[in-house]
Amino acid sequence: MKSEEQQKDLLPVQKENLHLKQSIAALRDQLEQMEIAREEAVQNTLHSVQSEIAQLKTTIAAMRDELEKTCYEKDCVLQQETAIAIDKSKQLHDTIATLRRELEEREVRYQENLQVLKRKHHDEINQLHQTINVLRENLEEKKKKP
């Protein structure tokens, strides 16, 4: 009888043991499902982050290209403006040099004309003096002739 009683006493323990094993198996399944869900979430997050990183890299590359293009265009514009400024400066220097030469030539011509005028004036004065002298001599001769 003891064995029947022992078996009766064991039956609830066995049931409880079975129940605990089933609970452990259910918890293990649930834990595995949670682990799988966590892994999927990690993979999804990782995929999302990698996708975002790829988009950011593409955006950065596009922005870098745009920046380089803008810098190149600015450099080109700056070089053009510098060339234009240098050209204008050269034209102004050339114009100044031309005007200076022309002014110097005019000054030389003016001085030459002034010399010619002075010479003519001097010659005219000499002629007038000669004429005066001739007239004076003529007048004196006429005065001597009564």
N, C-alpha and C. Protein backbone atom coordinates (compact mmCIF):
# COMPACT_ATOMS: atom_id res chain seq x y z
N MET A 1 0.78 -1.19 0.00
CA MET A 1 0.00 0.00 0.00
C MET A 1 0.84 1.27 0.00
N LYS A 2 1.88 1.08 0.60
CA LYS A 2 2.77 2.23 0.65
C LYS A 2 3.14 2.65 -0.75
N SER A 3 3.25 1.75 -1.55
CA SER A 3 3.64 2.10 -2.90
C SER A 3 2.49 2.80 -3.61
N GLU A 4 1.27 2.44 -3.30
CA GLU A 4 0.14 3.14 -3.88
C GLU A 4 0.05 4.54 -3.32
N GLU A 5 0.25 4.62 -2.05
CA GLU A 5 0.23 5.93 -1.39
C GLU A 5 1.38 6.79 -1.89
N GLN A 6 2.48 6.17 -2.06
CA GLN A 6 3.63 6.91 -2.56
C GLN A 6 3.36 7.35 -4.00
N GLN A 7 2.69 6.48 -4.70
CA GLN A 7 2.37 6.84 -6.08
C GLN A 7 1.35 7.96 -6.10
N LYS A 8 0.40 7.93 -5.15
CA LYS A 8 -0.59 8.99 -5.05
C LYS A 8 0.09 10.30 -4.67
N ASP A 9 1.04 10.20 -3.75
CA ASP A 9 1.77 11.39 -3.32
C ASP A 9 2.66 11.91 -4.46
N LEU A 10 3.12 10.98 -5.26
CA LEU A 10 4.00 11.34 -6.37
C LEU A 10 3.21 11.93 -7.54
N LEU A 11 2.00 11.53 -7.66
CA LEU A 11 1.19 11.98 -8.78
C LEU A 11 1.07 13.51 -8.81
N PRO A 12 0.73 14.19 -7.73
CA PRO A 12 0.68 15.64 -7.79
C PRO A 12 2.07 16.24 -8.09
N VAL A 13 3.09 15.63 -7.54
CA VAL A 13 4.45 16.13 -7.77
C VAL A 13 4.80 15.95 -9.25
N GLN A 14 4.43 14.78 -9.79
CA GLN A 14 4.70 14.51 -11.21
C GLN A 14 3.91 15.48 -12.09
N LYS A 15 2.64 15.74 -11.67
CA LYS A 15 1.82 16.67 -12.43
C LYS A 15 2.45 18.07 -12.37
N GLU A 16 2.86 18.40 -11.14
CA GLU A 16 3.50 19.72 -10.97
C GLU A 16 4.80 19.79 -11.76
N ASN A 17 5.54 18.71 -11.76
CA ASN A 17 6.80 18.62 -12.51
C ASN A 17 6.52 18.76 -14.00
N LEU A 18 5.49 18.05 -14.44
CA LEU A 18 5.10 18.14 -15.85
C LEU A 18 4.67 19.56 -16.19
N HIS A 19 3.87 20.12 -15.29
CA HIS A 19 3.41 21.49 -15.49
C HIS A 19 4.61 22.46 -15.55
N LEU A 20 5.55 22.28 -14.66
CA LEU A 20 6.76 23.12 -14.63
C LEU A 20 7.57 22.93 -15.91
N LYS A 21 7.67 21.69 -16.38
CA LYS A 21 8.41 21.43 -17.62
C LYS A 21 7.71 22.11 -18.79
N GLN A 22 6.37 22.02 -18.79
CA GLN A 22 5.61 22.66 -19.85
C GLN A 22 5.78 24.19 -19.77
N SER A 23 5.74 24.70 -18.53
CA SER A 23 5.93 26.14 -18.33
C SER A 23 7.32 26.57 -18.80
N ILE A 24 8.31 25.74 -18.45
CA ILE A 24 9.69 26.04 -18.87
C ILE A 24 9.77 26.01 -20.38
N ALA A 25 9.14 24.99 -20.99
CA ALA A 25 9.17 24.88 -22.46
C ALA A 25 8.46 26.09 -23.08
N ALA A 26 7.30 26.49 -22.49
CA ALA A 26 6.56 27.64 -23.00
C ALA A 26 7.39 28.92 -22.83
N LEU A 27 8.02 29.04 -21.67
CA LEU A 27 8.86 30.22 -21.42
C LEU A 27 10.07 30.23 -22.36
N ARG A 28 10.64 29.01 -22.58
CA ARG A 28 11.77 28.91 -23.50
C ARG A 28 11.34 29.31 -24.91
N ASP A 29 10.16 28.82 -25.34
CA ASP A 29 9.64 29.20 -26.66
C ASP A 29 9.41 30.71 -26.74
N GLN A 30 8.80 31.22 -25.66
CA GLN A 30 8.53 32.66 -25.62
C GLN A 30 9.84 33.45 -25.65
N LEU A 31 10.83 32.96 -24.88
CA LEU A 31 12.14 33.61 -24.86
C LEU A 31 12.80 33.54 -26.23
N GLU A 32 12.68 32.39 -26.91
CA GLU A 32 13.25 32.26 -28.25
C GLU A 32 12.53 33.19 -29.22
N GLN A 33 11.20 33.29 -29.08
CA GLN A 33 10.43 34.20 -29.93
C GLN A 33 10.85 35.64 -29.68
N MET A 34 11.05 35.98 -28.41
CA MET A 34 11.51 37.33 -28.06
C MET A 34 12.90 37.59 -28.63
N GLU A 35 13.76 36.56 -28.54
CA GLU A 35 15.12 36.68 -29.08
C GLU A 35 15.07 36.87 -30.59
N ILE A 36 14.20 36.09 -31.25
CA ILE A 36 14.03 36.23 -32.69
C ILE A 36 13.49 37.62 -33.03
N ALA A 37 12.47 38.05 -32.26
CA ALA A 37 11.90 39.39 -32.49
C ALA A 37 12.95 40.47 -32.25
N ARG A 38 13.75 40.28 -31.20
CA ARG A 38 14.82 41.25 -30.91
C ARG A 38 15.85 41.26 -32.04
N GLU A 39 16.23 40.09 -32.52
CA GLU A 39 17.18 39.98 -33.62
C GLU A 39 16.62 40.66 -34.87
N GLU A 40 15.30 40.42 -35.15
CA GLU A 40 14.68 41.06 -36.30
C GLU A 40 14.67 42.58 -36.13
N ALA A 41 14.36 43.03 -34.91
CA ALA A 41 14.35 44.47 -34.64
C ALA A 41 15.75 45.05 -34.82
N VAL A 42 16.76 44.33 -34.32
CA VAL A 42 18.15 44.77 -34.48
C VAL A 42 18.50 44.80 -35.96
N GLN A 43 18.13 43.74 -36.70
CA GLN A 43 18.42 43.69 -38.13
C GLN A 43 17.71 44.80 -38.88
N ASN A 44 16.43 45.01 -38.52
CA ASN A 44 15.67 46.10 -39.16
C ASN A 44 16.30 47.46 -38.85
N THR A 45 16.65 47.64 -37.59
CA THR A 45 17.30 48.90 -37.20
C THR A 45 18.63 49.06 -37.90
N LEU A 46 19.40 47.97 -37.94
CA LEU A 46 20.69 48.00 -38.62
C LEU A 46 20.50 48.31 -40.10
N HIS A 47 19.53 47.66 -40.72
CA HIS A 47 19.25 47.91 -42.13
C HIS A 47 18.82 49.37 -42.32
N SER A 48 17.96 49.86 -41.43
CA SER A 48 17.49 51.25 -41.52
C SER A 48 18.66 52.21 -41.35
N VAL A 49 19.53 51.95 -40.38
CA VAL A 49 20.69 52.81 -40.14
C VAL A 49 21.64 52.76 -41.33
N GLN A 50 21.87 51.56 -41.87
CA GLN A 50 22.75 51.44 -43.03
C GLN A 50 22.16 52.17 -44.23
N SER A 51 20.85 52.06 -44.39
CA SER A 51 20.18 52.78 -45.48
C SER A 51 20.32 54.29 -45.29
N GLU A 52 20.12 54.74 -44.05
CA GLU A 52 20.26 56.17 -43.76
C GLU A 52 21.70 56.63 -43.98
N ILE A 53 22.67 55.81 -43.57
CA ILE A 53 24.09 56.13 -43.78
C ILE A 53 24.38 56.24 -45.27
N ALA A 54 23.83 55.30 -46.06
CA ALA A 54 24.05 55.34 -47.50
C ALA A 54 23.44 56.61 -48.09
N GLN A 55 22.23 56.98 -47.63
CA GLN A 55 21.60 58.21 -48.11
C GLN A 55 22.43 59.43 -47.72
N LEU A 56 22.91 59.43 -46.48
CA LEU A 56 23.74 60.56 -46.01
C LEU A 56 25.03 60.66 -46.82
N LYS A 57 25.63 59.50 -47.11
CA LYS A 57 26.85 59.51 -47.93
C LYS A 57 26.56 60.06 -49.32
N THR A 58 25.42 59.65 -49.88
CA THR A 58 25.03 60.15 -51.21
C THR A 58 24.79 61.66 -51.14
N THR A 59 24.09 62.09 -50.11
CA THR A 59 23.82 63.52 -49.93
C THR A 59 25.13 64.30 -49.74
N ILE A 60 26.03 63.76 -48.93
CA ILE A 60 27.32 64.42 -48.70
C ILE A 60 28.11 64.51 -50.00
N ALA A 61 28.12 63.42 -50.76
CA ALA A 61 28.85 63.42 -52.04
C ALA A 61 28.25 64.45 -52.98
N ALA A 62 26.91 64.51 -53.03
CA ALA A 62 26.25 65.50 -53.91
C ALA A 62 26.56 66.92 -53.45
N MET A 63 26.53 67.12 -52.14
CA MET A 63 26.83 68.46 -51.60
C MET A 63 28.29 68.83 -51.85
N ARG A 64 29.18 67.86 -51.70
CA ARG A 64 30.60 68.10 -51.96
C ARG A 64 30.81 68.47 -53.42
N ASP A 65 30.13 67.71 -54.33
CA ASP A 65 30.23 68.02 -55.75
C ASP A 65 29.71 69.43 -56.04
N GLU A 66 28.58 69.76 -55.43
CA GLU A 66 27.98 71.08 -55.63
C GLU A 66 28.91 72.17 -55.09
N LEU A 67 29.50 71.92 -53.92
CA LEU A 67 30.43 72.89 -53.34
C LEU A 67 31.65 73.07 -54.23
N GLU A 68 32.20 71.96 -54.72
CA GLU A 68 33.36 72.04 -55.62
C GLU A 68 32.99 72.78 -56.90
N LYS A 69 31.79 72.50 -57.42
CA LYS A 69 31.33 73.17 -58.63
C LYS A 69 31.18 74.68 -58.35
N THR A 70 30.60 75.01 -57.22
CA THR A 70 30.42 76.42 -56.85
C THR A 70 31.78 77.09 -56.68
N CYS A 71 32.70 76.42 -56.00
CA CYS A 71 34.04 76.99 -55.82
C CYS A 71 34.73 77.16 -57.17
N TYR A 72 34.59 76.17 -58.05
CA TYR A 72 35.19 76.25 -59.38
C TYR A 72 34.59 77.43 -60.15
N GLU A 73 33.25 77.55 -60.07
CA GLU A 73 32.59 78.66 -60.77
C GLU A 73 33.05 80.00 -60.19
N LYS A 74 33.15 80.07 -58.87
CA LYS A 74 33.62 81.31 -58.24
C LYS A 74 35.06 81.61 -58.65
N ASP A 75 35.88 80.56 -58.68
CA ASP A 75 37.27 80.75 -59.12
C ASP A 75 37.31 81.24 -60.56
N CYS A 76 36.46 80.65 -61.41
CA CYS A 76 36.40 81.08 -62.81
C CYS A 76 35.96 82.53 -62.92
N VAL A 77 34.93 82.88 -62.17
CA VAL A 77 34.43 84.27 -62.19
C VAL A 77 35.52 85.20 -61.68
N LEU A 78 36.19 84.80 -60.60
CA LEU A 78 37.26 85.63 -60.04
C LEU A 78 38.39 85.80 -61.04
N GLN A 79 38.75 84.72 -61.72
CA GLN A 79 39.81 84.81 -62.72
C GLN A 79 39.38 85.71 -63.87
N GLN A 80 38.12 85.60 -64.30
CA GLN A 80 37.62 86.47 -65.37
C GLN A 80 37.65 87.93 -64.93
N GLU A 81 37.16 88.18 -63.71
CA GLU A 81 37.13 89.56 -63.22
C GLU A 81 38.55 90.10 -63.06
N THR A 82 39.46 89.25 -62.61
CA THR A 82 40.85 89.67 -62.47
C THR A 82 41.43 89.98 -63.85
N ALA A 83 41.16 89.13 -64.82
CA ALA A 83 41.66 89.36 -66.19
C ALA A 83 41.08 90.65 -66.75
N ILE A 84 39.78 90.87 -66.51
CA ILE A 84 39.14 92.10 -67.00
C ILE A 84 39.78 93.32 -66.33
N ALA A 85 39.99 93.23 -65.01
CA ALA A 85 40.59 94.35 -64.28
C ALA A 85 42.01 94.61 -64.79
N ILE A 86 42.77 93.55 -65.01
CA ILE A 86 44.14 93.70 -65.52
C ILE A 86 44.10 94.33 -66.91
N ASP A 87 43.16 93.86 -67.75
CA ASP A 87 43.03 94.40 -69.10
C ASP A 87 42.66 95.89 -69.06
N LYS A 88 41.70 96.25 -68.20
CA LYS A 88 41.31 97.65 -68.08
C LYS A 88 42.48 98.49 -67.59
N SER A 89 43.20 97.95 -66.62
CA SER A 89 44.36 98.66 -66.09
C SER A 89 45.41 98.88 -67.18
N LYS A 90 45.65 97.83 -67.98
CA LYS A 90 46.61 97.95 -69.08
C LYS A 90 46.13 98.99 -70.10
N GLN A 91 44.83 98.95 -70.41
CA GLN A 91 44.28 99.93 -71.35
C GLN A 91 44.44 101.34 -70.80
N LEU A 92 44.18 101.51 -69.50
CA LEU A 92 44.33 102.84 -68.91
C LEU A 92 45.79 103.30 -68.94
N HIS A 93 46.71 102.37 -68.62
CA HIS A 93 48.13 102.72 -68.68
C HIS A 93 48.54 103.09 -70.11
N ASP A 94 48.05 102.30 -71.07
CA ASP A 94 48.36 102.61 -72.48
C ASP A 94 47.78 103.97 -72.87
N THR A 95 46.55 104.23 -72.45
CA THR A 95 45.92 105.52 -72.76
C THR A 95 46.71 106.66 -72.12
N ILE A 96 47.11 106.48 -70.88
CA ILE A 96 47.89 107.51 -70.19
C ILE A 96 49.21 107.74 -70.92
N ALA A 97 49.87 106.65 -71.31
CA ALA A 97 51.14 106.77 -72.02
C ALA A 97 50.94 107.50 -73.35
N THR A 98 49.87 107.14 -74.07
CA THR A 98 49.57 107.80 -75.36
C THR A 98 49.29 109.28 -75.15
N LEU A 99 48.47 109.59 -74.16
CA LEU A 99 48.15 111.00 -73.88
C LEU A 99 49.39 111.77 -73.44
N ARG A 100 50.26 111.13 -72.66
CA ARG A 100 51.49 111.78 -72.21
C ARG A 100 52.39 112.09 -73.42
N ARG A 101 52.52 111.08 -74.33
CA ARG A 101 53.32 111.31 -75.54
C ARG A 101 52.71 112.45 -76.36
N GLU A 102 51.41 112.42 -76.54
CA GLU A 102 50.75 113.46 -77.31
C GLU A 102 50.94 114.83 -76.67
N LEU A 103 50.84 114.86 -75.34
CA LEU A 103 51.05 116.13 -74.63
C LEU A 103 52.48 116.62 -74.80
N GLU A 104 53.44 115.70 -74.71
CA GLU A 104 54.84 116.07 -74.89
C GLU A 104 55.08 116.56 -76.32
N GLU A 105 54.47 115.87 -77.30
CA GLU A 105 54.62 116.30 -78.70
C GLU A 105 54.01 117.69 -78.90
N ARG A 106 52.85 117.92 -78.29
CA ARG A 106 52.22 119.25 -78.39
C ARG A 106 53.10 120.31 -77.74
N GLU A 107 53.69 119.94 -76.62
CA GLU A 107 54.58 120.89 -75.93
C GLU A 107 55.77 121.22 -76.82
N VAL A 108 56.34 120.18 -77.46
CA VAL A 108 57.48 120.41 -78.37
C VAL A 108 57.04 121.30 -79.52
N ARG A 109 55.88 120.99 -80.13
CA ARG A 109 55.38 121.82 -81.24
C ARG A 109 55.10 123.25 -80.76
N TYR A 110 54.54 123.37 -79.58
CA TYR A 110 54.26 124.70 -79.04
C TYR A 110 55.56 125.48 -78.87
N GLN A 111 56.56 124.80 -78.29
CA GLN A 111 57.85 125.48 -78.09
C GLN A 111 58.48 125.85 -79.44
N GLU A 112 58.38 124.95 -80.41
CA GLU A 112 58.91 125.24 -81.75
C GLU A 112 58.17 126.43 -82.36
N ASN A 113 56.83 126.40 -82.27
CA ASN A 113 56.03 127.52 -82.79
C ASN A 113 56.37 128.82 -82.06
N LEU A 114 56.53 128.70 -80.77
CA LEU A 114 56.89 129.89 -79.98
C LEU A 114 58.25 130.44 -80.44
N GLN A 115 59.19 129.54 -80.69
CA GLN A 115 60.51 129.98 -81.18
C GLN A 115 60.38 130.63 -82.54
N VAL A 116 59.57 130.02 -83.41
CA VAL A 116 59.35 130.60 -84.74
C VAL A 116 58.74 131.98 -84.59
N LEU A 117 57.72 132.11 -83.73
CA LEU A 117 57.07 133.41 -83.53
C LEU A 117 58.05 134.43 -82.95
N LYS A 118 58.87 133.99 -82.01
CA LYS A 118 59.86 134.90 -81.43
C LYS A 118 60.86 135.35 -82.49
N ARG A 119 61.30 134.39 -83.32
CA ARG A 119 62.23 134.72 -84.38
C ARG A 119 61.59 135.70 -85.37
N LYS A 120 60.32 135.40 -85.76
CA LYS A 120 59.61 136.31 -86.67
C LYS A 120 59.46 137.68 -86.04
N HIS A 121 59.10 137.66 -84.76
CA HIS A 121 58.93 138.92 -84.05
C HIS A 121 60.26 139.69 -84.01
N HIS A 122 61.29 138.96 -83.69
CA HIS A 122 62.61 139.58 -83.64
C HIS A 122 63.00 140.11 -85.02
N ASP A 123 62.77 139.27 -86.05
CA ASP A 123 63.08 139.70 -87.43
C ASP A 123 62.26 140.92 -87.81
N GLU A 124 60.98 140.93 -87.44
CA GLU A 124 60.11 142.06 -87.75
C GLU A 124 60.59 143.32 -87.05
N ILE A 125 60.99 143.15 -85.80
CA ILE A 125 61.53 144.31 -85.05
C ILE A 125 62.80 144.82 -85.74
N ASN A 126 63.66 143.88 -86.15
CA ASN A 126 64.88 144.29 -86.85
C ASN A 126 64.56 145.01 -88.15
N GLN A 127 63.58 144.48 -88.89
CA GLN A 127 63.17 145.14 -90.14
C GLN A 127 62.62 146.53 -89.85
N LEU A 128 61.81 146.60 -88.80
CA LEU A 128 61.25 147.90 -88.44
C LEU A 128 62.36 148.87 -88.05
N HIS A 129 63.33 148.37 -87.31
CA HIS A 129 64.47 149.22 -86.95
C HIS A 129 65.23 149.68 -88.20
N GLN A 130 65.40 148.74 -89.12
CA GLN A 130 66.08 149.09 -90.36
C GLN A 130 65.27 150.12 -91.15
N THR A 131 63.96 149.85 -91.18
CA THR A 131 63.08 150.80 -91.88
C THR A 131 63.15 152.17 -91.21
N ILE A 132 63.12 152.17 -89.90
CA ILE A 132 63.22 153.44 -89.16
C ILE A 132 64.54 154.12 -89.49
N ASN A 133 65.60 153.33 -89.49
CA ASN A 133 66.92 153.91 -89.79
C ASN A 133 66.97 154.48 -91.21
N VAL A 134 66.39 153.73 -92.15
CA VAL A 134 66.37 154.19 -93.53
C VAL A 134 65.53 155.45 -93.62
N LEU A 135 64.39 155.42 -93.01
CA LEU A 135 63.52 156.60 -93.03
C LEU A 135 64.19 157.79 -92.34
N ARG A 136 64.83 157.54 -91.27
CA ARG A 136 65.54 158.60 -90.55
C ARG A 136 66.63 159.18 -91.45
N GLU A 137 67.37 158.30 -92.09
CA GLU A 137 68.42 158.76 -92.98
C GLU A 137 67.82 159.58 -94.13
N ASN A 138 66.70 159.04 -94.67
CA ASN A 138 66.02 159.78 -95.75
C ASN A 138 65.54 161.13 -95.23
N LEU A 139 65.02 161.16 -94.09
CA LEU A 139 64.51 162.41 -93.50
C LEU A 139 65.67 163.38 -93.27
N GLU A 140 66.74 162.90 -92.79
CA GLU A 140 67.89 163.76 -92.54
C GLU A 140 68.47 164.26 -93.85
N GLU A 141 68.48 163.45 -94.84
CA GLU A 141 68.96 163.90 -96.16
C GLU A 141 68.02 164.95 -96.71
N LYS A 142 66.75 164.78 -96.53
CA LYS A 142 65.78 165.77 -97.02
C LYS A 142 65.92 167.05 -96.22
N LYS A 143 66.24 166.93 -94.98
CA LYS A 143 66.41 168.12 -94.17
C LYS A 143 67.68 168.84 -94.61
N LYS A 144 68.65 168.15 -95.04
CA LYS A 144 69.90 168.75 -95.49
C LYS A 144 69.70 169.42 -96.84
N LYS A 145 68.83 169.07 -97.62
CA LYS A 145 68.57 169.63 -98.92
C LYS A 145 67.57 170.75 -98.73
N PRO A 146 67.89 171.85 -98.84
CA PRO A 146 66.89 172.91 -98.77
C PRO A 146 66.34 173.30 -100.07
